[in-house]
Amino acid sequence: MPEVFLPEEGFFFAAPECLLMEEKSTKYTFEALTDVEVSCISFRQLETAARTNTYAFDFYHTALKNVVMAFIYRLEAFIEESPEERFQNIGKIRPSLPTRPLRKYLASFLGISPNSLSRIVKRLNR
């Protein structure tokens, strides 16, 4: 199952390995589900800019923190929560996330099949 990331609106997102390692290409394919603004910059360019420009440093630092925090959240959720709990919590954390058109992506994000997600939704709607 491919990895799915669901960054919030206004949230900067990058492939984790591209923010942390020089000349590392990503294994991910990104697909936008809504209109997005895409910017491409190499690790070396970003690191060089961060050394000399406060705005670039803040941007890079925030991006690194976001990647680490997202990783920690996802890891803890997969260890401590059932798929049903992960589904319920994503609704609490991200109430604006439209679940209907995103079912297959949401299922992948939760680490379950679309059929399992349908069963969870059906069980919770009883």
PDB file of N, CA and C in Angstrom:
ATOM      1  N   MET A   1       0.853  -1.172   0.000  1.00  0.00           N
ATOM      2  CA  MET A   1       0.000   0.000   0.000  1.00  0.00           C
ATOM      3  C   MET A   1       0.904   1.241   0.000  1.00  0.00           C
ATOM      4  N   PRO A   2       0.668   2.201  -0.895  1.00  0.00           N
ATOM      5  CA  PRO A   2       1.513   3.388  -0.916  1.00  0.00           C
ATOM      6  C   PRO A   2       1.265   4.258   0.314  1.00  0.00           C
ATOM      7  N   GLU A   3       2.250   5.002   0.678  1.00  0.00           N
ATOM      8  CA  GLU A   3       2.127   5.920   1.812  1.00  0.00           C
ATOM      9  C   GLU A   3       1.348   7.145   1.362  1.00  0.00           C
ATOM     10  N   VAL A   4       0.447   7.617   2.184  1.00  0.00           N
ATOM     11  CA  VAL A   4      -0.348   8.799   1.879  1.00  0.00           C
ATOM     12  C   VAL A   4      -0.095   9.825   2.969  1.00  0.00           C
ATOM     13  N   PHE A   5       0.152  11.046   2.543  1.00  0.00           N
ATOM     14  CA  PHE A   5       0.311  12.168   3.461  1.00  0.00           C
ATOM     15  C   PHE A   5      -0.860  13.103   3.224  1.00  0.00           C
ATOM     16  N   LEU A   6      -1.443  13.617   4.265  1.00  0.00           N
ATOM     17  CA  LEU A   6      -2.563  14.541   4.137  1.00  0.00           C
ATOM     18  C   LEU A   6      -2.239  15.834   4.876  1.00  0.00           C
ATOM     19  N   PRO A   7      -1.360  16.651   4.302  1.00  0.00           N
ATOM     20  CA  PRO A   7      -1.017  17.896   4.987  1.00  0.00           C
ATOM     21  C   PRO A   7      -2.205  18.853   5.025  1.00  0.00           C
ATOM     22  N   GLU A   8      -2.258  19.651   6.063  1.00  0.00           N
ATOM     23  CA  GLU A   8      -3.347  20.606   6.211  1.00  0.00           C
ATOM     24  C   GLU A   8      -3.155  21.777   5.271  1.00  0.00           C
ATOM     25  N   GLU A   9      -4.240  22.503   5.030  1.00  0.00           N
ATOM     26  CA  GLU A   9      -4.183  23.685   4.183  1.00  0.00           C
ATOM     27  C   GLU A   9      -3.191  24.682   4.770  1.00  0.00           C
ATOM     28  N   GLY A  10      -2.363  25.261   3.919  1.00  0.00           N
ATOM     29  CA  GLY A  10      -1.364  26.221   4.352  1.00  0.00           C
ATOM     30  C   GLY A  10      -0.126  25.590   4.951  1.00  0.00           C
ATOM     31  N   PHE A  11      -0.048  24.286   4.930  1.00  0.00           N
ATOM     32  CA  PHE A  11       1.043  23.543   5.548  1.00  0.00           C
ATOM     33  C   PHE A  11       2.098  23.234   4.501  1.00  0.00           C
ATOM     34  N   PHE A  12       3.349  23.533   4.799  1.00  0.00           N
ATOM     35  CA  PHE A  12       4.443  23.182   3.897  1.00  0.00           C
ATOM     36  C   PHE A  12       4.689  21.692   4.005  1.00  0.00           C
ATOM     37  N   PHE A  13       4.937  21.052   2.890  1.00  0.00           N
ATOM     38  CA  PHE A  13       5.188  19.624   2.904  1.00  0.00           C
ATOM     39  C   PHE A  13       6.324  19.285   1.963  1.00  0.00           C
ATOM     40  N   ALA A  14       7.127  18.324   2.365  1.00  0.00           N
ATOM     41  CA  ALA A  14       8.220  17.836   1.520  1.00  0.00           C
ATOM     42  C   ALA A  14       8.464  16.375   1.849  1.00  0.00           C
ATOM     43  N   ALA A  15       9.098  15.693   0.931  1.00  0.00           N
ATOM     44  CA  ALA A  15       9.496  14.312   1.206  1.00  0.00           C
ATOM     45  C   ALA A  15      10.526  14.346   2.329  1.00  0.00           C
ATOM     46  N   PRO A  16      10.312  13.585   3.404  1.00  0.00           N
ATOM     47  CA  PRO A  16      11.204  13.652   4.566  1.00  0.00           C
ATOM     48  C   PRO A  16      12.677  13.468   4.229  1.00  0.00           C
ATOM     49  N   GLU A  17      12.992  12.477   3.417  1.00  0.00           N
ATOM     50  CA  GLU A  17      14.398  12.215   3.121  1.00  0.00           C
ATOM     51  C   GLU A  17      15.038  13.338   2.317  1.00  0.00           C
ATOM     52  N   CYS A  18      14.239  14.096   1.575  1.00  0.00           N
ATOM     53  CA  CYS A  18      14.788  15.202   0.782  1.00  0.00           C
ATOM     54  C   CYS A  18      15.141  16.403   1.655  1.00  0.00           C
ATOM     55  N   LEU A  19      14.497  16.531   2.802  1.00  0.00           N
ATOM     56  CA  LEU A  19      14.823  17.617   3.728  1.00  0.00           C
ATOM     57  C   LEU A  19      16.039  17.296   4.585  1.00  0.00           C
ATOM     58  N   LEU A  20      16.353  16.033   4.707  1.00  0.00           N
ATOM     59  CA  LEU A  20      17.386  15.618   5.646  1.00  0.00           C
ATOM     60  C   LEU A  20      18.695  15.165   5.011  1.00  0.00           C
ATOM     61  N   MET A  21      18.667  14.810   3.738  1.00  0.00           N
ATOM     62  CA  MET A  21      19.868  14.250   3.118  1.00  0.00           C
ATOM     63  C   MET A  21      20.155  14.903   1.773  1.00  0.00           C
ATOM     64  N   GLU A  22      21.385  15.211   1.573  1.00  0.00           N
ATOM     65  CA  GLU A  22      21.814  15.821   0.323  1.00  0.00           C
ATOM     66  C   GLU A  22      21.702  14.821  -0.826  1.00  0.00           C
ATOM     67  N   GLU A  23      21.196  15.308  -1.936  1.00  0.00           N
ATOM     68  CA  GLU A  23      21.116  14.528  -3.177  1.00  0.00           C
ATOM     69  C   GLU A  23      20.381  13.202  -3.013  1.00  0.00           C
ATOM     70  N   LYS A  24      19.404  13.177  -2.165  1.00  0.00           N
ATOM     71  CA  LYS A  24      18.587  11.972  -1.986  1.00  0.00           C
ATOM     72  C   LYS A  24      17.265  12.195  -2.703  1.00  0.00           C
ATOM     73  N   SER A  25      16.944  11.323  -3.627  1.00  0.00           N
ATOM     74  CA  SER A  25      15.654  11.458  -4.302  1.00  0.00           C
ATOM     75  C   SER A  25      14.600  10.699  -3.496  1.00  0.00           C
ATOM     76  N   THR A  26      13.369  11.061  -3.710  1.00  0.00           N
ATOM     77  CA  THR A  26      12.291  10.463  -2.934  1.00  0.00           C
ATOM     78  C   THR A  26      11.715   9.232  -3.617  1.00  0.00           C
ATOM     79  N   LYS A  27      11.175   8.356  -2.811  1.00  0.00           N
ATOM     80  CA  LYS A  27      10.497   7.178  -3.345  1.00  0.00           C
ATOM     81  C   LYS A  27       9.006   7.446  -3.500  1.00  0.00           C
ATOM     82  N   TYR A  28       8.562   8.624  -3.090  1.00  0.00           N
ATOM     83  CA  TYR A  28       7.148   8.952  -3.094  1.00  0.00           C
ATOM     84  C   TYR A  28       6.724   9.631  -4.391  1.00  0.00           C
ATOM     85  N   THR A  29       5.482   9.409  -4.739  1.00  0.00           N
ATOM     86  CA  THR A  29       4.834  10.141  -5.818  1.00  0.00           C
ATOM     87  C   THR A  29       3.774  10.997  -5.159  1.00  0.00           C
ATOM     88  N   PHE A  30       3.786  12.275  -5.457  1.00  0.00           N
ATOM     89  CA  PHE A  30       2.839  13.184  -4.825  1.00  0.00           C
ATOM     90  C   PHE A  30       1.683  13.465  -5.770  1.00  0.00           C
ATOM     91  N   GLU A  31       0.488  13.411  -5.233  1.00  0.00           N
ATOM     92  CA  GLU A  31      -0.719  13.691  -5.995  1.00  0.00           C
ATOM     93  C   GLU A  31      -1.552  14.655  -5.167  1.00  0.00           C
ATOM     94  N   ALA A  32      -1.860  15.808  -5.738  1.00  0.00           N
ATOM     95  CA  ALA A  32      -2.651  16.802  -5.026  1.00  0.00           C
ATOM     96  C   ALA A  32      -4.130  16.507  -5.196  1.00  0.00           C
ATOM     97  N   LEU A  33      -4.872  16.599  -4.117  1.00  0.00           N
ATOM     98  CA  LEU A  33      -6.309  16.363  -4.151  1.00  0.00           C
ATOM     99  C   LEU A  33      -7.084  17.666  -4.268  1.00  0.00           C
ATOM    100  N   THR A  34      -6.390  18.778  -4.080  1.00  0.00           N
ATOM    101  CA  THR A  34      -6.973  20.110  -4.234  1.00  0.00           C
ATOM    102  C   THR A  34      -5.938  20.977  -4.935  1.00  0.00           C
ATOM    103  N   ASP A  35      -6.291  22.217  -5.204  1.00  0.00           N
ATOM    104  CA  ASP A  35      -5.333  23.138  -5.799  1.00  0.00           C
ATOM    105  C   ASP A  35      -4.193  23.371  -4.814  1.00  0.00           C
ATOM    106  N   VAL A  36      -2.974  23.356  -5.322  1.00  0.00           N
ATOM    107  CA  VAL A  36      -1.799  23.560  -4.480  1.00  0.00           C
ATOM    108  C   VAL A  36      -0.806  24.469  -5.187  1.00  0.00           C
ATOM    109  N   GLU A  37       0.098  24.995  -4.416  1.00  0.00           N
ATOM    110  CA  GLU A  37       1.219  25.745  -4.958  1.00  0.00           C
ATOM    111  C   GLU A  37       2.447  24.867  -4.776  1.00  0.00           C
ATOM    112  N   VAL A  38       3.157  24.620  -5.865  1.00  0.00           N
ATOM    113  CA  VAL A  38       4.320  23.737  -5.822  1.00  0.00           C
ATOM    114  C   VAL A  38       5.583  24.557  -6.041  1.00  0.00           C
ATOM    115  N   SER A  39       6.548  24.355  -5.170  1.00  0.00           N
ATOM    116  CA  SER A  39       7.862  24.977  -5.304  1.00  0.00           C
ATOM    117  C   SER A  39       8.902  23.877  -5.222  1.00  0.00           C
ATOM    118  N   CYS A  40       9.887  23.943  -6.065  1.00  0.00           N
ATOM    119  CA  CYS A  40      10.956  22.947  -6.049  1.00  0.00           C
ATOM    120  C   CYS A  40      12.277  23.630  -5.738  1.00  0.00           C
ATOM    121  N   ILE A  41      12.994  23.063  -4.796  1.00  0.00           N
ATOM    122  CA  ILE A  41      14.309  23.576  -4.434  1.00  0.00           C
ATOM    123  C   ILE A  41      15.153  22.380  -4.006  1.00  0.00           C
ATOM    124  N   SER A  42      16.404  22.416  -4.360  1.00  0.00           N
ATOM    125  CA  SER A  42      17.276  21.306  -3.980  1.00  0.00           C
ATOM    126  C   SER A  42      17.697  21.454  -2.523  1.00  0.00           C
ATOM    127  N   PHE A  43      18.071  20.352  -1.940  1.00  0.00           N
ATOM    128  CA  PHE A  43      18.561  20.347  -0.565  1.00  0.00           C
ATOM    129  C   PHE A  43      19.719  21.333  -0.417  1.00  0.00           C
ATOM    130  N   ARG A  44      20.658  21.278  -1.345  1.00  0.00           N
ATOM    131  CA  ARG A  44      21.838  22.144  -1.280  1.00  0.00           C
ATOM    132  C   ARG A  44      21.445  23.621  -1.347  1.00  0.00           C
ATOM    133  N   GLN A  45      20.513  23.971  -2.237  1.00  0.00           N
ATOM    134  CA  GLN A  45      20.064  25.360  -2.344  1.00  0.00           C
ATOM    135  C   GLN A  45      19.386  25.816  -1.050  1.00  0.00           C
ATOM    136  N   LEU A  46      18.554  24.970  -0.504  1.00  0.00           N
ATOM    137  CA  LEU A  46      17.841  25.319   0.721  1.00  0.00           C
ATOM    138  C   LEU A  46      18.801  25.462   1.893  1.00  0.00           C
ATOM    139  N   GLU A  47      19.735  24.553   2.003  1.00  0.00           N
ATOM    140  CA  GLU A  47      20.712  24.612   3.089  1.00  0.00           C
ATOM    141  C   GLU A  47      21.593  25.855   2.970  1.00  0.00           C
ATOM    142  N   THR A  48      22.016  26.172   1.762  1.00  0.00           N
ATOM    143  CA  THR A  48      22.839  27.366   1.536  1.00  0.00           C
ATOM    144  C   THR A  48      22.054  28.627   1.878  1.00  0.00           C
ATOM    145  N   ALA A  49      20.810  28.698   1.434  1.00  0.00           N
ATOM    146  CA  ALA A  49      19.974  29.861   1.728  1.00  0.00           C
ATOM    147  C   ALA A  49      19.726  29.988   3.228  1.00  0.00           C
ATOM    148  N   ALA A  50      19.556  28.871   3.910  1.00  0.00           N
ATOM    149  CA  ALA A  50      19.286  28.889   5.351  1.00  0.00           C
ATOM    150  C   ALA A  50      20.469  29.429   6.151  1.00  0.00           C
ATOM    151  N   ARG A  51      21.675  29.283   5.610  1.00  0.00           N
ATOM    152  CA  ARG A  51      22.866  29.798   6.310  1.00  0.00           C
ATOM    153  C   ARG A  51      22.961  31.319   6.252  1.00  0.00           C
ATOM    154  N   THR A  52      22.369  31.913   5.230  1.00  0.00           N
ATOM    155  CA  THR A  52      22.566  33.348   5.020  1.00  0.00           C
ATOM    156  C   THR A  52      21.292  34.173   5.126  1.00  0.00           C
ATOM    157  N   ASN A  53      20.144  33.528   5.187  1.00  0.00           N
ATOM    158  CA  ASN A  53      18.885  34.248   5.145  1.00  0.00           C
ATOM    159  C   ASN A  53      17.997  33.764   6.291  1.00  0.00           C
ATOM    160  N   THR A  54      17.606  34.686   7.142  1.00  0.00           N
ATOM    161  CA  THR A  54      16.793  34.339   8.306  1.00  0.00           C
ATOM    162  C   THR A  54      15.462  33.711   7.897  1.00  0.00           C
ATOM    163  N   TYR A  55      14.823  34.261   6.869  1.00  0.00           N
ATOM    164  CA  TYR A  55      13.549  33.710   6.404  1.00  0.00           C
ATOM    165  C   TYR A  55      13.735  32.270   5.925  1.00  0.00           C
ATOM    166  N   ALA A  56      14.780  32.024   5.151  1.00  0.00           N
ATOM    167  CA  ALA A  56      15.046  30.671   4.643  1.00  0.00           C
ATOM    168  C   ALA A  56      15.352  29.720   5.798  1.00  0.00           C
ATOM    169  N   PHE A  57      16.097  30.204   6.805  1.00  0.00           N
ATOM    170  CA  PHE A  57      16.390  29.363   7.969  1.00  0.00           C
ATOM    171  C   PHE A  57      15.099  28.991   8.699  1.00  0.00           C
ATOM    172  N   ASP A  58      14.247  29.995   8.939  1.00  0.00           N
ATOM    173  CA  ASP A  58      12.978  29.735   9.627  1.00  0.00           C
ATOM    174  C   ASP A  58      12.116  28.746   8.841  1.00  0.00           C
ATOM    175  N   PHE A  59      12.087  28.915   7.528  1.00  0.00           N
ATOM    176  CA  PHE A  59      11.323  28.022   6.657  1.00  0.00           C
ATOM    177  C   PHE A  59      11.854  26.594   6.773  1.00  0.00           C
ATOM    178  N   TYR A  60      13.159  26.430   6.664  1.00  0.00           N
ATOM    179  CA  TYR A  60      13.793  25.116   6.726  1.00  0.00           C
ATOM    180  C   TYR A  60      13.594  24.482   8.105  1.00  0.00           C
ATOM    181  N   HIS A  61      13.796  25.275   9.139  1.00  0.00           N
ATOM    182  CA  HIS A  61      13.639  24.795  10.510  1.00  0.00           C
ATOM    183  C   HIS A  61      12.199  24.345  10.766  1.00  0.00           C
ATOM    184  N   THR A  62      11.236  25.140  10.340  1.00  0.00           N
ATOM    185  CA  THR A  62       9.826  24.787  10.503  1.00  0.00           C
ATOM    186  C   THR A  62       9.485  23.525   9.724  1.00  0.00           C
ATOM    187  N   ALA A  63      10.002  23.415   8.508  1.00  0.00           N
ATOM    188  CA  ALA A  63       9.754  22.222   7.691  1.00  0.00           C
ATOM    189  C   ALA A  63      10.302  20.977   8.382  1.00  0.00           C
ATOM    190  N   LEU A  64      11.506  21.061   8.918  1.00  0.00           N
ATOM    191  CA  LEU A  64      12.092  19.915   9.625  1.00  0.00           C
ATOM    192  C   LEU A  64      11.258  19.536  10.846  1.00  0.00           C
ATOM    193  N   LYS A  65      10.838  20.538  11.612  1.00  0.00           N
ATOM    194  CA  LYS A  65      10.005  20.261  12.786  1.00  0.00           C
ATOM    195  C   LYS A  65       8.693  19.602  12.376  1.00  0.00           C
ATOM    196  N   ASN A  66       8.077  20.101  11.314  1.00  0.00           N
ATOM    197  CA  ASN A  66       6.812  19.528  10.852  1.00  0.00           C
ATOM    198  C   ASN A  66       6.975  18.074  10.440  1.00  0.00           C
ATOM    199  N   VAL A  67       8.056  17.769   9.741  1.00  0.00           N
ATOM    200  CA  VAL A  67       8.300  16.393   9.301  1.00  0.00           C
ATOM    201  C   VAL A  67       8.501  15.478  10.507  1.00  0.00           C
ATOM    202  N   VAL A  68       9.298  15.916  11.467  1.00  0.00           N
ATOM    203  CA  VAL A  68       9.555  15.098  12.660  1.00  0.00           C
ATOM    204  C   VAL A  68       8.271  14.905  13.470  1.00  0.00           C
ATOM    205  N   MET A  69       7.509  15.970  13.660  1.00  0.00           N
ATOM    206  CA  MET A  69       6.273  15.862  14.439  1.00  0.00           C
ATOM    207  C   MET A  69       5.248  14.963  13.738  1.00  0.00           C
ATOM    208  N   ALA A  70       5.142  15.072  12.423  1.00  0.00           N
ATOM    209  CA  ALA A  70       4.218  14.203  11.682  1.00  0.00           C
ATOM    210  C   ALA A  70       4.646  12.749  11.817  1.00  0.00           C
ATOM    211  N   PHE A  71       5.944  12.499  11.734  1.00  0.00           N
ATOM    212  CA  PHE A  71       6.457  11.137  11.873  1.00  0.00           C
ATOM    213  C   PHE A  71       6.145  10.581  13.262  1.00  0.00           C
ATOM    214  N   ILE A  72       6.394  11.372  14.291  1.00  0.00           N
ATOM    215  CA  ILE A  72       6.122  10.929  15.662  1.00  0.00           C
ATOM    216  C   ILE A  72       4.634  10.642  15.845  1.00  0.00           C
ATOM    217  N   TYR A  73       3.791  11.546  15.368  1.00  0.00           N
ATOM    218  CA  TYR A  73       2.343  11.352  15.499  1.00  0.00           C
ATOM    219  C   TYR A  73       1.906  10.060  14.812  1.00  0.00           C
ATOM    220  N   ARG A  74       2.357   9.864  13.564  1.00  0.00           N
ATOM    221  CA  ARG A  74       1.953   8.667  12.815  1.00  0.00           C
ATOM    222  C   ARG A  74       2.463   7.398  13.491  1.00  0.00           C
ATOM    223  N   LEU A  75       3.709   7.414  13.944  1.00  0.00           N
ATOM    224  CA  LEU A  75       4.286   6.243  14.595  1.00  0.00           C
ATOM    225  C   LEU A  75       3.512   5.893  15.863  1.00  0.00           C
ATOM    226  N   GLU A  76       3.257   6.889  16.695  1.00  0.00           N
ATOM    227  CA  GLU A  76       2.505   6.647  17.928  1.00  0.00           C
ATOM    228  C   GLU A  76       1.091   6.155  17.629  1.00  0.00           C
ATOM    229  N   ALA A  77       0.455   6.724  16.617  1.00  0.00           N
ATOM    230  CA  ALA A  77      -0.906   6.308  16.273  1.00  0.00           C
ATOM    231  C   ALA A  77      -0.933   4.845  15.840  1.00  0.00           C
ATOM    232  N   PHE A  78       0.041   4.423  15.036  1.00  0.00           N
ATOM    233  CA  PHE A  78       0.060   3.038  14.578  1.00  0.00           C
ATOM    234  C   PHE A  78       0.398   2.064  15.706  1.00  0.00           C
ATOM    235  N   ILE A  79       1.142   2.514  16.691  1.00  0.00           N
ATOM    236  CA  ILE A  79       1.497   1.645  17.817  1.00  0.00           C
ATOM    237  C   ILE A  79       0.366   1.577  18.840  1.00  0.00           C
ATOM    238  N   GLU A  80      -0.226   2.716  19.155  1.00  0.00           N
ATOM    239  CA  GLU A  80      -1.146   2.803  20.285  1.00  0.00           C
ATOM    240  C   GLU A  80      -2.629   2.706  19.940  1.00  0.00           C
ATOM    241  N   GLU A  81      -3.004   2.915  18.686  1.00  0.00           N
ATOM    242  CA  GLU A  81      -4.420   3.012  18.341  1.00  0.00           C
ATOM    243  C   GLU A  81      -4.848   1.931  17.354  1.00  0.00           C
ATOM    244  N   SER A  82      -6.092   1.541  17.462  1.00  0.00           N
ATOM    245  CA  SER A  82      -6.681   0.625  16.477  1.00  0.00           C
ATOM    246  C   SER A  82      -7.025   1.441  15.229  1.00  0.00           C
ATOM    247  N   PRO A  83      -7.278   0.775  14.098  1.00  0.00           N
ATOM    248  CA  PRO A  83      -7.701   1.520  12.907  1.00  0.00           C
ATOM    249  C   PRO A  83      -8.943   2.381  13.165  1.00  0.00           C
ATOM    250  N   GLU A  84      -9.880   1.855  13.944  1.00  0.00           N
ATOM    251  CA  GLU A  84     -11.087   2.621  14.257  1.00  0.00           C
ATOM    252  C   GLU A  84     -10.748   3.876  15.061  1.00  0.00           C
ATOM    253  N   GLU A  85      -9.850   3.744  16.022  1.00  0.00           N
ATOM    254  CA  GLU A  85      -9.433   4.912  16.813  1.00  0.00           C
ATOM    255  C   GLU A  85      -8.697   5.922  15.938  1.00  0.00           C
ATOM    256  N   ARG A  86      -7.851   5.437  15.028  1.00  0.00           N
ATOM    257  CA  ARG A  86      -7.153   6.354  14.121  1.00  0.00           C
ATOM    258  C   ARG A  86      -8.154   7.119  13.264  1.00  0.00           C
ATOM    259  N   PHE A  87      -9.188   6.430  12.784  1.00  0.00           N
ATOM    260  CA  PHE A  87     -10.224   7.082  11.979  1.00  0.00           C
ATOM    261  C   PHE A  87     -10.952   8.142  12.799  1.00  0.00           C
ATOM    262  N   GLN A  88     -11.348   7.811  14.004  1.00  0.00           N
ATOM    263  CA  GLN A  88     -12.059   8.766  14.857  1.00  0.00           C
ATOM    264  C   GLN A  88     -11.171   9.960  15.200  1.00  0.00           C
ATOM    265  N   ASN A  89      -9.904   9.707  15.468  1.00  0.00           N
ATOM    266  CA  ASN A  89      -8.994  10.790  15.833  1.00  0.00           C
ATOM    267  C   ASN A  89      -8.686  11.713  14.669  1.00  0.00           C
ATOM    268  N   ILE A  90      -8.599  11.167  13.457  1.00  0.00           N
ATOM    269  CA  ILE A  90      -8.327  12.048  12.314  1.00  0.00           C
ATOM    270  C   ILE A  90      -9.499  13.004  12.120  1.00  0.00           C
ATOM    271  N   GLY A  91     -10.705  12.546  12.435  1.00  0.00           N
ATOM    272  CA  GLY A  91     -11.872  13.424  12.347  1.00  0.00           C
ATOM    273  C   GLY A  91     -11.844  14.534  13.389  1.00  0.00           C
ATOM    274  N   LYS A  92     -11.291  14.232  14.561  1.00  0.00           N
ATOM    275  CA  LYS A  92     -11.177  15.245  15.613  1.00  0.00           C
ATOM    276  C   LYS A  92     -10.067  16.242  15.293  1.00  0.00           C
ATOM    277  N   ILE A  93      -8.952  15.723  14.812  1.00  0.00           N
ATOM    278  CA  ILE A  93      -7.793  16.567  14.526  1.00  0.00           C
ATOM    279  C   ILE A  93      -8.021  17.402  13.273  1.00  0.00           C
ATOM    280  N   ARG A  94      -8.654  16.796  12.283  1.00  0.00           N
ATOM    281  CA  ARG A  94      -8.856  17.457  10.988  1.00  0.00           C
ATOM    282  C   ARG A  94     -10.334  17.437  10.599  1.00  0.00           C
ATOM    283  N   PRO A  95     -11.193  18.169  11.304  1.00  0.00           N
ATOM    284  CA  PRO A  95     -12.628  18.112  11.012  1.00  0.00           C
ATOM    285  C   PRO A  95     -12.992  18.590   9.608  1.00  0.00           C
ATOM    286  N   SER A  96     -12.148  19.389   8.998  1.00  0.00           N
ATOM    287  CA  SER A  96     -12.451  19.901   7.657  1.00  0.00           C
ATOM    288  C   SER A  96     -12.092  18.907   6.558  1.00  0.00           C
ATOM    289  N   LEU A  97     -11.471  17.803   6.922  1.00  0.00           N
ATOM    290  CA  LEU A  97     -11.069  16.805   5.929  1.00  0.00           C
ATOM    291  C   LEU A  97     -12.310  16.118   5.363  1.00  0.00           C
ATOM    292  N   PRO A  98     -12.552  16.277   4.058  1.00  0.00           N
ATOM    293  CA  PRO A  98     -13.736  15.626   3.478  1.00  0.00           C
ATOM    294  C   PRO A  98     -13.480  14.136   3.301  1.00  0.00           C
ATOM    295  N   THR A  99     -14.219  13.295   3.986  1.00  0.00           N
ATOM    296  CA  THR A  99     -13.937  11.858   3.946  1.00  0.00           C
ATOM    297  C   THR A  99     -14.528  11.155   2.733  1.00  0.00           C
ATOM    298  N   ARG A 100     -15.642  11.593   2.213  1.00  0.00           N
ATOM    299  CA  ARG A 100     -16.269  10.872   1.098  1.00  0.00           C
ATOM    300  C   ARG A 100     -15.371  10.768  -0.132  1.00  0.00           C
ATOM    301  N   PRO A 101     -14.965  11.875  -0.740  1.00  0.00           N
ATOM    302  CA  PRO A 101     -14.178  11.731  -1.972  1.00  0.00           C
ATOM    303  C   PRO A 101     -12.776  11.183  -1.732  1.00  0.00           C
ATOM    304  N   LEU A 102     -12.346  11.150  -0.488  1.00  0.00           N
ATOM    305  CA  LEU A 102     -10.982  10.729  -0.184  1.00  0.00           C
ATOM    306  C   LEU A 102     -10.902   9.323   0.390  1.00  0.00           C
ATOM    307  N   ARG A 103     -11.934   8.547   0.292  1.00  0.00           N
ATOM    308  CA  ARG A 103     -11.968   7.250   0.974  1.00  0.00           C
ATOM    309  C   ARG A 103     -10.712   6.410   0.751  1.00  0.00           C
ATOM    310  N   LYS A 104     -10.287   6.231  -0.505  1.00  0.00           N
ATOM    311  CA  LYS A 104      -9.132   5.355  -0.731  1.00  0.00           C
ATOM    312  C   LYS A 104      -7.856   5.973  -0.166  1.00  0.00           C
ATOM    313  N   TYR A 105      -7.752   7.306  -0.215  1.00  0.00           N
ATOM    314  CA  TYR A 105      -6.573   7.966   0.338  1.00  0.00           C
ATOM    315  C   TYR A 105      -6.609   7.945   1.860  1.00  0.00           C
ATOM    316  N   LEU A 106      -7.784   8.179   2.400  1.00  0.00           N
ATOM    317  CA  LEU A 106      -7.935   8.160   3.853  1.00  0.00           C
ATOM    318  C   LEU A 106      -7.648   6.764   4.402  1.00  0.00           C
ATOM    319  N   ALA A 107      -8.127   5.745   3.718  1.00  0.00           N
ATOM    320  CA  ALA A 107      -7.861   4.365   4.147  1.00  0.00           C
ATOM    321  C   ALA A 107      -6.363   4.095   4.146  1.00  0.00           C
ATOM    322  N   SER A 108      -5.686   4.511   3.093  1.00  0.00           N
ATOM    323  CA  SER A 108      -4.240   4.310   3.018  1.00  0.00           C
ATOM    324  C   SER A 108      -3.527   5.067   4.138  1.00  0.00           C
ATOM    325  N   PHE A 109      -3.954   6.295   4.394  1.00  0.00           N
ATOM    326  CA  PHE A 109      -3.375   7.100   5.464  1.00  0.00           C
ATOM    327  C   PHE A 109      -3.537   6.407   6.813  1.00  0.00           C
ATOM    328  N   LEU A 110      -4.674   5.746   7.006  1.00  0.00           N
ATOM    329  CA  LEU A 110      -4.950   5.041   8.260  1.00  0.00           C
ATOM    330  C   LEU A 110      -4.299   3.667   8.318  1.00  0.00           C
ATOM    331  N   GLY A 111      -3.738   3.223   7.192  1.00  0.00           N
ATOM    332  CA  GLY A 111      -3.068   1.927   7.160  1.00  0.00           C
ATOM    333  C   GLY A 111      -4.021   0.756   7.035  1.00  0.00           C
ATOM    334  N   ILE A 112      -5.164   0.989   6.415  1.00  0.00           N
ATOM    335  CA  ILE A 112      -6.165  -0.065   6.242  1.00  0.00           C
ATOM    336  C   ILE A 112      -6.663  -0.060   4.799  1.00  0.00           C
ATOM    337  N   SER A 113      -7.413  -1.081   4.441  1.00  0.00           N
ATOM    338  CA  SER A 113      -7.980  -1.147   3.091  1.00  0.00           C
ATOM    339  C   SER A 113      -9.246  -0.289   3.021  1.00  0.00           C
ATOM    340  N   PRO A 114      -9.641   0.138   1.819  1.00  0.00           N
ATOM    341  CA  PRO A 114     -10.900   0.877   1.690  1.00  0.00           C
ATOM    342  C   PRO A 114     -12.103   0.084   2.212  1.00  0.00           C
ATOM    343  N   ASN A 115     -12.089  -1.242   2.040  1.00  0.00           N
ATOM    344  CA  ASN A 115     -13.185  -2.069   2.571  1.00  0.00           C
ATOM    345  C   ASN A 115     -13.228  -2.022   4.096  1.00  0.00           C
ATOM    346  N   SER A 116     -12.066  -2.072   4.728  1.00  0.00           N
ATOM    347  CA  SER A 116     -12.022  -1.980   6.198  1.00  0.00           C
ATOM    348  C   SER A 116     -12.537  -0.629   6.662  1.00  0.00           C
ATOM    349  N   LEU A 117     -12.173   0.429   5.944  1.00  0.00           N
ATOM    350  CA  LEU A 117     -12.660   1.764   6.296  1.00  0.00           C
ATOM    351  C   LEU A 117     -14.179   1.818   6.167  1.00  0.00           C
ATOM    352  N   SER A 118     -14.721   1.237   5.118  1.00  0.00           N
ATOM    353  CA  SER A 118     -16.183   1.216   4.944  1.00  0.00           C
ATOM    354  C   SER A 118     -16.862   0.498   6.104  1.00  0.00           C
ATOM    355  N   ARG A 119     -16.282  -0.609   6.557  1.00  0.00           N
ATOM    356  CA  ARG A 119     -16.858  -1.340   7.696  1.00  0.00           C
ATOM    357  C   ARG A 119     -16.802  -0.498   8.974  1.00  0.00           C
ATOM    358  N   ILE A 120     -15.696   0.201   9.173  1.00  0.00           N
ATOM    359  CA  ILE A 120     -15.566   1.063  10.359  1.00  0.00           C
ATOM    360  C   ILE A 120     -16.614   2.167  10.317  1.00  0.00           C
ATOM    361  N   VAL A 121     -16.746   2.825   9.177  1.00  0.00           N
ATOM    362  CA  VAL A 121     -17.722   3.914   9.040  1.00  0.00           C
ATOM    363  C   VAL A 121     -19.135   3.390   9.272  1.00  0.00           C
ATOM    364  N   LYS A 122     -19.444   2.240   8.708  1.00  0.00           N
ATOM    365  CA  LYS A 122     -20.772   1.643   8.878  1.00  0.00           C
ATOM    366  C   LYS A 122     -21.034   1.326  10.351  1.00  0.00           C
ATOM    367  N   ARG A 123     -20.039   0.749  11.023  1.00  0.00           N
ATOM    368  CA  ARG A 123     -20.182   0.398  12.439  1.00  0.00           C
ATOM    369  C   ARG A 123     -20.383   1.658  13.289  1.00  0.00           C
ATOM    370  N   LEU A 124     -19.657   2.723  12.989  1.00  0.00           N
ATOM    371  CA  LEU A 124     -19.770   3.953  13.774  1.00  0.00           C
ATOM    372  C   LEU A 124     -21.073   4.701  13.509  1.00  0.00           C
ATOM    373  N   ASN A 125     -21.650   4.497  12.332  1.00  0.00           N
ATOM    374  CA  ASN A 125     -22.900   5.188  11.986  1.00  0.00           C
ATOM    375  C   ASN A 125     -24.146   4.470  12.487  1.00  0.00           C
ATOM    376  N   ARG A 126     -23.982   3.311  13.103  1.00  0.00           N
ATOM    377  CA  ARG A 126     -25.151   2.580  13.641  1.00  0.00           C
ATOM    378  C   ARG A 126     -25.756   3.282  14.809  1.00  0.00           C
TER     379      ARG A 126
END
